[in-house]
Amino acid sequence: MGEQVPVALLLKAAISDWIDQRTAVGVIKYGGPLTTFNGRDAGQDAMEEIIDFCQYQHQRLLEAQADVRALGEVLQTHETH
């Protein structure tokens, strides 16, 4: 068994790193970090991001299901030989 580590501390560090990475992407892509009063509809942007998230998660689920099926086929083939 491994060392016990407070999950919240690890999550806090990971989120901070992710925010830094996304900010860097924004600076490169849009010329600066996300700011308030930028002329965009934050609610609409958030909804579009949620829809994208749902699609990515569904893709992930479909691919995992395909992997499980493929593994089952391999195991079934192995058992018959």
Protein backbone atom coordinates (compact mmCIF):
# COMPACT_ATOMS: atom_id res chain seq x y z
CA MET A 1 0.00 0.00 0.00
CA GLY A 2 1.25 3.48 -0.84
CA GLU A 3 1.66 6.57 1.26
CA GLN A 4 -1.52 8.41 2.18
CA VAL A 5 -1.64 11.83 0.56
CA PRO A 6 -4.37 14.45 1.01
CA VAL A 7 -6.34 14.34 -2.25
CA ALA A 8 -7.42 17.99 -1.97
CA LEU A 9 -3.79 19.16 -2.03
CA LEU A 10 -3.04 17.14 -5.15
CA LEU A 11 -6.21 18.36 -6.83
CA LYS A 12 -5.46 21.97 -5.93
CA ALA A 13 -2.00 21.67 -7.50
CA ALA A 14 -3.37 19.93 -10.60
CA ILE A 15 -6.09 22.53 -11.11
CA SER A 16 -3.59 25.34 -10.70
CA ASP A 17 -1.35 23.72 -13.33
CA TRP A 18 -4.31 23.21 -15.69
CA ILE A 19 -5.37 26.84 -15.33
CA ASP A 20 -1.81 27.98 -16.06
CA GLN A 21 -1.70 25.74 -19.15
CA ARG A 22 -5.09 26.93 -20.44
CA THR A 23 -4.09 30.56 -19.82
CA ALA A 24 -0.93 30.02 -21.86
CA VAL A 25 -3.01 28.54 -24.69
CA GLY A 26 -5.33 31.56 -24.54
CA VAL A 27 -2.41 33.96 -24.69
CA ILE A 28 -1.05 32.18 -27.76
CA LYS A 29 -4.43 31.71 -29.47
CA TYR A 30 -6.14 34.99 -28.58
CA GLY A 31 -3.26 37.29 -27.66
CA GLY A 32 -4.06 37.43 -23.95
CA PRO A 33 -5.70 35.68 -21.01
CA LEU A 34 -9.45 35.49 -20.49
CA THR A 35 -10.71 38.77 -19.05
CA THR A 36 -13.99 40.21 -17.86
CA PHE A 37 -15.97 42.56 -20.11
CA ASN A 38 -14.40 41.07 -23.22
CA GLY A 39 -17.55 41.37 -25.35
CA ARG A 40 -18.31 37.66 -25.26
CA ASP A 41 -21.37 35.97 -23.77
CA ALA A 42 -19.83 33.92 -20.95
CA GLY A 43 -23.04 31.93 -20.48
CA GLN A 44 -23.13 30.94 -24.14
CA ASP A 45 -19.42 30.10 -24.10
CA ALA A 46 -19.90 27.95 -20.99
CA MET A 47 -22.87 26.12 -22.55
CA GLU A 48 -20.85 25.39 -25.69
CA GLU A 49 -18.00 24.07 -23.53
CA ILE A 50 -20.44 21.83 -21.63
CA ILE A 51 -21.75 20.41 -24.91
CA ASP A 52 -18.17 19.82 -26.09
CA PHE A 53 -17.41 18.11 -22.77
CA CYS A 54 -20.43 15.84 -23.19
CA GLN A 55 -19.31 14.88 -26.67
CA TYR A 56 -15.76 14.16 -25.52
CA GLN A 57 -17.05 12.02 -22.66
CA HIS A 58 -19.38 10.12 -24.96
CA GLN A 59 -16.50 9.54 -27.38
CA ARG A 60 -14.45 8.25 -24.47
CA LEU A 61 -17.27 5.90 -23.43
CA LEU A 62 -17.76 4.56 -26.96
CA GLU A 63 -14.04 3.96 -27.37
CA ALA A 64 -13.81 2.21 -23.99
CA GLN A 65 -16.74 -0.03 -24.94
CA ALA A 66 -15.05 -0.87 -28.23
CA ASP A 67 -11.83 -1.69 -26.36
CA VAL A 68 -13.72 -4.02 -24.01
CA ARG A 69 -15.38 -5.77 -26.96
CA ALA A 70 -12.02 -6.16 -28.72
CA LEU A 71 -10.42 -7.54 -25.57
CA GLY A 72 -13.30 -9.98 -25.19
CA GLU A 73 -12.77 -11.17 -28.75
CA VAL A 74 -9.04 -11.64 -28.15
CA LEU A 75 -9.70 -13.60 -24.96
CA GLN A 76 -12.35 -15.70 -26.66
CA THR A 77 -9.96 -16.46 -29.55
CA HIS A 78 -7.20 -17.32 -27.09
CA GLU A 79 -9.49 -19.69 -25.16
CA THR A 80 -10.45 -21.61 -28.31
CA HIS A 81 -6.85 -22.23 -29.34
